[in-house]
Amino acid sequence: MIETLALTCLAQTMFMEARGEPQAGQIAVAMVLYRRADFNQKRICSEMARPYQFSWYGKIRPPEPSSYELRPFISLAKQILTLTVNDTSKGADHFHEKSIPKPMWAIHKPIKVIINNHIFY
């Protein structure tokens, strides 16, 4: 059974971090969050809210779960939570936009994949 709150947090994170990316990039961002939550739906929202995990959190208000713009992300989040999509992050647990300099946490991490504007480690 899919947790409604987990679905919302995953969809909002995809929207805020990767709405302009191709679907592969959106899935990769969601898989990073799901992996950090140890694939436990009950931990997704708390992981999303941990300090310094996602650049948007606490700074910008995401769309409401019922909003028209979030609907496609809710649909994609359902697929991710049931693991019926391929992990396009290739097992990554971190990412950042290509436009920013390589963060200190990434110095010794191997790049797993680059999808459009994001580098996944």
N, C-alpha and C. Protein backbone atom coordinates (compact mmCIF):
# COMPACT_ATOMS: atom_id res chain seq x y z
N MET A 1 0.83 -1.18 0.00
CA MET A 1 0.00 0.00 0.00
C MET A 1 0.88 1.25 0.00
N ILE A 2 0.51 2.21 -0.78
CA ILE A 2 1.29 3.44 -0.90
C ILE A 2 0.84 4.45 0.15
N GLU A 3 1.81 4.98 0.88
CA GLU A 3 1.56 6.02 1.87
C GLU A 3 1.28 7.34 1.14
N THR A 4 0.16 7.98 1.42
CA THR A 4 -0.22 9.22 0.75
C THR A 4 0.79 10.33 0.99
N LEU A 5 1.25 10.46 2.22
CA LEU A 5 2.21 11.52 2.53
C LEU A 5 3.54 11.29 1.81
N ALA A 6 3.98 10.04 1.74
CA ALA A 6 5.22 9.71 1.02
C ALA A 6 5.08 10.06 -0.45
N LEU A 7 3.93 9.77 -1.02
CA LEU A 7 3.66 10.07 -2.42
C LEU A 7 3.77 11.58 -2.67
N THR A 8 3.19 12.35 -1.78
CA THR A 8 3.24 13.81 -1.90
C THR A 8 4.67 14.34 -1.78
N CYS A 9 5.40 13.88 -0.78
CA CYS A 9 6.78 14.36 -0.57
C CYS A 9 7.67 14.00 -1.76
N LEU A 10 7.51 12.81 -2.28
CA LEU A 10 8.31 12.38 -3.42
C LEU A 10 7.97 13.22 -4.66
N ALA A 11 6.68 13.42 -4.89
CA ALA A 11 6.25 14.21 -6.05
C ALA A 11 6.71 15.66 -5.93
N GLN A 12 6.59 16.24 -4.74
CA GLN A 12 7.02 17.63 -4.56
C GLN A 12 8.53 17.77 -4.76
N THR A 13 9.30 16.80 -4.30
CA THR A 13 10.74 16.86 -4.48
C THR A 13 11.11 16.76 -5.96
N MET A 14 10.46 15.86 -6.68
CA MET A 14 10.72 15.76 -8.12
C MET A 14 10.37 17.08 -8.80
N PHE A 15 9.22 17.65 -8.45
CA PHE A 15 8.80 18.90 -9.06
C PHE A 15 9.80 20.01 -8.77
N MET A 16 10.18 20.15 -7.52
CA MET A 16 11.05 21.26 -7.13
C MET A 16 12.48 21.10 -7.62
N GLU A 17 12.98 19.88 -7.70
CA GLU A 17 14.37 19.66 -8.09
C GLU A 17 14.55 19.39 -9.59
N ALA A 18 13.50 18.85 -10.25
CA ALA A 18 13.73 18.37 -11.61
C ALA A 18 12.56 18.57 -12.57
N ARG A 19 11.71 19.54 -12.31
CA ARG A 19 10.54 19.69 -13.19
C ARG A 19 10.90 20.01 -14.63
N GLY A 20 12.02 20.64 -14.88
CA GLY A 20 12.43 20.97 -16.24
C GLY A 20 13.30 19.90 -16.89
N GLU A 21 13.48 18.81 -16.21
CA GLU A 21 14.34 17.72 -16.69
C GLU A 21 13.51 16.67 -17.42
N PRO A 22 14.17 15.84 -18.22
CA PRO A 22 13.44 14.73 -18.83
C PRO A 22 13.00 13.75 -17.73
N GLN A 23 12.08 12.88 -18.07
CA GLN A 23 11.55 11.95 -17.08
C GLN A 23 12.66 11.13 -16.42
N ALA A 24 13.68 10.77 -17.15
CA ALA A 24 14.79 10.00 -16.56
C ALA A 24 15.44 10.78 -15.42
N GLY A 25 15.57 12.08 -15.56
CA GLY A 25 16.14 12.91 -14.51
C GLY A 25 15.21 13.04 -13.31
N GLN A 26 13.92 13.13 -13.58
CA GLN A 26 12.93 13.20 -12.50
C GLN A 26 12.94 11.91 -11.68
N ILE A 27 12.98 10.78 -12.38
CA ILE A 27 13.04 9.48 -11.71
C ILE A 27 14.31 9.38 -10.89
N ALA A 28 15.43 9.80 -11.45
CA ALA A 28 16.71 9.72 -10.74
C ALA A 28 16.68 10.52 -9.45
N VAL A 29 16.13 11.72 -9.49
CA VAL A 29 16.02 12.55 -8.28
C VAL A 29 15.17 11.83 -7.24
N ALA A 30 14.05 11.28 -7.66
CA ALA A 30 13.17 10.57 -6.73
C ALA A 30 13.85 9.33 -6.16
N MET A 31 14.61 8.63 -6.98
CA MET A 31 15.29 7.43 -6.49
C MET A 31 16.36 7.78 -5.47
N VAL A 32 17.01 8.92 -5.62
CA VAL A 32 17.98 9.36 -4.62
C VAL A 32 17.27 9.56 -3.27
N LEU A 33 16.13 10.23 -3.29
CA LEU A 33 15.38 10.44 -2.05
C LEU A 33 14.90 9.11 -1.47
N TYR A 34 14.35 8.26 -2.30
CA TYR A 34 13.83 6.97 -1.83
C TYR A 34 14.96 6.11 -1.26
N ARG A 35 16.11 6.14 -1.92
CA ARG A 35 17.27 5.38 -1.44
C ARG A 35 17.74 5.92 -0.08
N ARG A 36 17.80 7.25 0.04
CA ARG A 36 18.22 7.85 1.31
C ARG A 36 17.26 7.49 2.44
N ALA A 37 16.01 7.23 2.09
CA ALA A 37 15.00 6.82 3.07
C ALA A 37 15.01 5.30 3.26
N ASP A 38 16.03 4.65 2.74
CA ASP A 38 16.18 3.19 2.84
C ASP A 38 14.97 2.46 2.25
N PHE A 39 14.40 3.02 1.20
CA PHE A 39 13.25 2.44 0.51
C PHE A 39 12.08 2.19 1.46
N ASN A 40 11.99 3.04 2.47
CA ASN A 40 10.92 2.97 3.47
C ASN A 40 10.03 4.20 3.26
N GLN A 41 8.81 3.97 2.80
CA GLN A 41 7.90 5.08 2.52
C GLN A 41 7.67 5.97 3.73
N LYS A 42 7.68 5.40 4.91
CA LYS A 42 7.42 6.18 6.12
C LYS A 42 8.56 7.15 6.43
N ARG A 43 9.71 6.98 5.79
CA ARG A 43 10.87 7.85 6.06
C ARG A 43 11.10 8.91 4.98
N ILE A 44 10.35 8.86 3.90
CA ILE A 44 10.59 9.77 2.77
C ILE A 44 10.46 11.24 3.18
N CYS A 45 9.39 11.60 3.83
CA CYS A 45 9.18 13.01 4.18
C CYS A 45 10.21 13.51 5.19
N SER A 46 10.56 12.69 6.16
CA SER A 46 11.56 13.14 7.13
C SER A 46 12.93 13.26 6.46
N GLU A 47 13.22 12.40 5.53
CA GLU A 47 14.49 12.50 4.80
C GLU A 47 14.50 13.76 3.93
N MET A 48 13.39 14.03 3.29
CA MET A 48 13.26 15.23 2.45
C MET A 48 13.49 16.48 3.29
N ALA A 49 13.04 16.46 4.54
CA ALA A 49 13.10 17.63 5.40
C ALA A 49 14.40 17.76 6.19
N ARG A 50 15.28 16.79 6.09
CA ARG A 50 16.56 16.90 6.81
C ARG A 50 17.32 18.13 6.31
N PRO A 51 17.97 18.85 7.19
CA PRO A 51 18.72 20.04 6.76
C PRO A 51 19.77 19.74 5.69
N TYR A 52 19.84 20.62 4.73
CA TYR A 52 20.85 20.61 3.67
C TYR A 52 20.74 19.43 2.71
N GLN A 53 19.60 18.78 2.65
CA GLN A 53 19.46 17.64 1.73
C GLN A 53 19.00 18.09 0.35
N PHE A 54 18.02 18.96 0.31
CA PHE A 54 17.46 19.42 -0.96
C PHE A 54 17.39 20.94 -0.93
N SER A 55 17.90 21.55 -1.97
CA SER A 55 18.09 23.00 -1.97
C SER A 55 16.80 23.80 -1.81
N TRP A 56 15.71 23.27 -2.23
CA TRP A 56 14.45 24.02 -2.18
C TRP A 56 13.77 23.95 -0.81
N TYR A 57 14.00 22.89 -0.07
CA TYR A 57 13.20 22.64 1.13
C TYR A 57 13.39 23.75 2.17
N GLY A 58 12.28 24.27 2.64
CA GLY A 58 12.29 25.32 3.65
C GLY A 58 12.46 26.71 3.08
N LYS A 59 12.70 26.81 1.78
CA LYS A 59 12.91 28.12 1.16
C LYS A 59 11.76 28.49 0.22
N ILE A 60 11.23 27.49 -0.47
CA ILE A 60 10.19 27.72 -1.48
C ILE A 60 9.03 26.78 -1.18
N ARG A 61 7.84 27.29 -1.27
CA ARG A 61 6.66 26.46 -1.02
C ARG A 61 6.34 25.65 -2.29
N PRO A 62 6.27 24.32 -2.18
CA PRO A 62 5.95 23.50 -3.34
C PRO A 62 4.45 23.54 -3.64
N PRO A 63 4.06 23.08 -4.82
CA PRO A 63 2.62 23.04 -5.13
C PRO A 63 1.88 22.09 -4.18
N GLU A 64 0.63 22.37 -3.97
CA GLU A 64 -0.22 21.50 -3.15
C GLU A 64 -0.44 20.17 -3.88
N PRO A 65 -0.65 19.08 -3.14
CA PRO A 65 -0.82 17.77 -3.75
C PRO A 65 -1.96 17.71 -4.77
N SER A 66 -2.99 18.52 -4.58
CA SER A 66 -4.13 18.48 -5.50
C SER A 66 -3.96 19.40 -6.71
N SER A 67 -2.84 20.12 -6.78
CA SER A 67 -2.66 21.08 -7.87
C SER A 67 -2.46 20.39 -9.21
N TYR A 68 -2.91 21.07 -10.24
CA TYR A 68 -2.81 20.55 -11.60
C TYR A 68 -1.35 20.28 -11.98
N GLU A 69 -0.44 21.18 -11.62
CA GLU A 69 0.95 21.04 -12.03
C GLU A 69 1.67 19.88 -11.35
N LEU A 70 1.16 19.41 -10.21
CA LEU A 70 1.80 18.31 -9.51
C LEU A 70 1.28 16.94 -9.95
N ARG A 71 0.14 16.90 -10.63
CA ARG A 71 -0.48 15.62 -11.02
C ARG A 71 0.46 14.66 -11.74
N PRO A 72 1.20 15.10 -12.77
CA PRO A 72 2.08 14.13 -13.44
C PRO A 72 3.17 13.59 -12.52
N PHE A 73 3.59 14.38 -11.54
CA PHE A 73 4.62 13.94 -10.61
C PHE A 73 4.05 12.95 -9.59
N ILE A 74 2.78 13.13 -9.23
CA ILE A 74 2.10 12.17 -8.35
C ILE A 74 2.03 10.83 -9.06
N SER A 75 1.66 10.86 -10.32
CA SER A 75 1.56 9.63 -11.11
C SER A 75 2.92 8.92 -11.20
N LEU A 76 3.95 9.67 -11.47
CA LEU A 76 5.30 9.10 -11.56
C LEU A 76 5.77 8.60 -10.19
N ALA A 77 5.44 9.31 -9.14
CA ALA A 77 5.82 8.89 -7.79
C ALA A 77 5.20 7.54 -7.44
N LYS A 78 3.97 7.30 -7.89
CA LYS A 78 3.33 5.99 -7.65
C LYS A 78 4.15 4.87 -8.27
N GLN A 79 4.63 5.11 -9.48
CA GLN A 79 5.46 4.10 -10.14
C GLN A 79 6.77 3.87 -9.40
N ILE A 80 7.34 4.93 -8.91
CA ILE A 80 8.61 4.83 -8.19
C ILE A 80 8.42 4.08 -6.88
N LEU A 81 7.36 4.41 -6.15
CA LEU A 81 7.13 3.76 -4.85
C LEU A 81 6.80 2.28 -4.99
N THR A 82 6.34 1.88 -6.14
CA THR A 82 6.08 0.45 -6.37
C THR A 82 7.25 -0.20 -7.13
N LEU A 83 8.29 0.60 -7.34
CA LEU A 83 9.51 0.14 -8.04
C LEU A 83 9.20 -0.50 -9.39
N THR A 84 8.29 0.14 -10.13
CA THR A 84 7.95 -0.34 -11.47
C THR A 84 8.61 0.50 -12.56
N VAL A 85 9.65 1.24 -12.20
CA VAL A 85 10.45 2.00 -13.16
C VAL A 85 11.90 1.60 -12.97
N ASN A 86 12.70 1.80 -13.99
CA ASN A 86 14.14 1.54 -13.88
C ASN A 86 14.79 2.67 -13.09
N ASP A 87 15.77 2.31 -12.30
CA ASP A 87 16.51 3.29 -11.50
C ASP A 87 17.50 4.02 -12.40
N THR A 88 17.07 5.13 -12.93
CA THR A 88 17.92 5.90 -13.85
C THR A 88 19.07 6.59 -13.13
N SER A 89 19.04 6.60 -11.79
CA SER A 89 20.15 7.20 -11.03
C SER A 89 21.35 6.26 -10.95
N LYS A 90 21.14 5.02 -11.36
CA LYS A 90 22.18 3.99 -11.33
C LYS A 90 22.74 3.77 -9.92
N GLY A 91 21.85 3.87 -8.92
CA GLY A 91 22.25 3.63 -7.54
C GLY A 91 22.77 4.84 -6.80
N ALA A 92 22.60 6.03 -7.35
CA ALA A 92 23.12 7.24 -6.71
C ALA A 92 22.39 7.56 -5.41
N ASP A 93 23.12 8.20 -4.50
CA ASP A 93 22.50 8.68 -3.27
C ASP A 93 22.71 10.18 -3.08
N HIS A 94 23.32 10.82 -4.06
CA HIS A 94 23.52 12.27 -4.05
C HIS A 94 23.43 12.79 -5.48
N PHE A 95 23.15 14.08 -5.61
CA PHE A 95 23.19 14.74 -6.92
C PHE A 95 23.33 16.23 -6.72
N HIS A 96 23.71 16.90 -7.79
CA HIS A 96 23.70 18.36 -7.81
C HIS A 96 23.58 18.81 -9.25
N GLU A 97 23.22 20.07 -9.43
CA GLU A 97 23.13 20.63 -10.77
C GLU A 97 24.52 20.82 -11.34
N LYS A 98 24.64 20.65 -12.65
CA LYS A 98 25.94 20.83 -13.31
C LYS A 98 26.44 22.26 -13.21
N SER A 99 25.53 23.20 -13.05
CA SER A 99 25.92 24.62 -13.06
C SER A 99 26.67 25.05 -11.80
N ILE A 100 26.64 24.25 -10.75
CA ILE A 100 27.36 24.65 -9.53
C ILE A 100 28.71 23.93 -9.47
N PRO A 101 29.68 24.54 -8.84
CA PRO A 101 30.98 23.88 -8.69
C PRO A 101 30.82 22.58 -7.90
N LYS A 102 31.72 21.65 -8.13
CA LYS A 102 31.65 20.36 -7.44
C LYS A 102 31.69 20.58 -5.93
N PRO A 103 30.64 20.12 -5.22
CA PRO A 103 30.61 20.30 -3.76
C PRO A 103 31.68 19.46 -3.05
N MET A 104 32.03 19.87 -1.85
CA MET A 104 33.04 19.13 -1.07
C MET A 104 32.63 17.68 -0.85
N TRP A 105 31.33 17.43 -0.62
CA TRP A 105 30.90 16.06 -0.37
C TRP A 105 31.10 15.16 -1.59
N ALA A 106 31.26 15.75 -2.77
CA ALA A 106 31.37 14.97 -4.01
C ALA A 106 32.81 14.67 -4.40
N ILE A 107 33.78 15.24 -3.72
CA ILE A 107 35.19 15.12 -4.11
C ILE A 107 35.62 13.67 -4.30
N HIS A 108 35.24 12.80 -3.39
CA HIS A 108 35.69 11.41 -3.47
C HIS A 108 34.60 10.44 -3.91
N LYS A 109 33.49 10.97 -4.40
CA LYS A 109 32.40 10.11 -4.86
C LYS A 109 32.50 9.94 -6.38
N PRO A 110 32.37 8.73 -6.87
CA PRO A 110 32.39 8.54 -8.32
C PRO A 110 31.06 8.98 -8.94
N ILE A 111 31.12 9.54 -10.11
CA ILE A 111 29.91 9.91 -10.85
C ILE A 111 29.26 8.63 -11.36
N LYS A 112 27.98 8.48 -11.06
CA LYS A 112 27.23 7.30 -11.53
C LYS A 112 26.61 7.57 -12.89
N VAL A 113 26.05 8.77 -13.05
CA VAL A 113 25.40 9.13 -14.31
C VAL A 113 25.19 10.65 -14.35
N ILE A 114 25.17 11.19 -15.55
CA ILE A 114 24.81 12.59 -15.77
C ILE A 114 23.55 12.57 -16.61
N ILE A 115 22.51 13.22 -16.12
CA ILE A 115 21.25 13.30 -16.86
C ILE A 115 20.91 14.77 -17.02
N ASN A 116 21.00 15.23 -18.23
CA ASN A 116 20.70 16.61 -18.59
C ASN A 116 21.47 17.59 -17.70
N ASN A 117 20.82 18.25 -16.74
CA ASN A 117 21.48 19.27 -15.92
C ASN A 117 21.89 18.80 -14.53
N HIS A 118 21.84 17.49 -14.29
CA HIS A 118 22.20 16.98 -12.97
C HIS A 118 23.29 15.91 -13.05
N ILE A 119 24.17 15.93 -12.06
CA ILE A 119 25.22 14.91 -11.92
C ILE A 119 24.84 14.08 -10.70
N PHE A 120 24.81 12.76 -10.88
CA PHE A 120 24.43 11.84 -9.81
C PHE A 120 25.64 11.05 -9.36
N TYR A 121 25.79 10.95 -8.04
CA TYR A 121 26.92 10.26 -7.42
C TYR A 121 26.43 9.09 -6.60
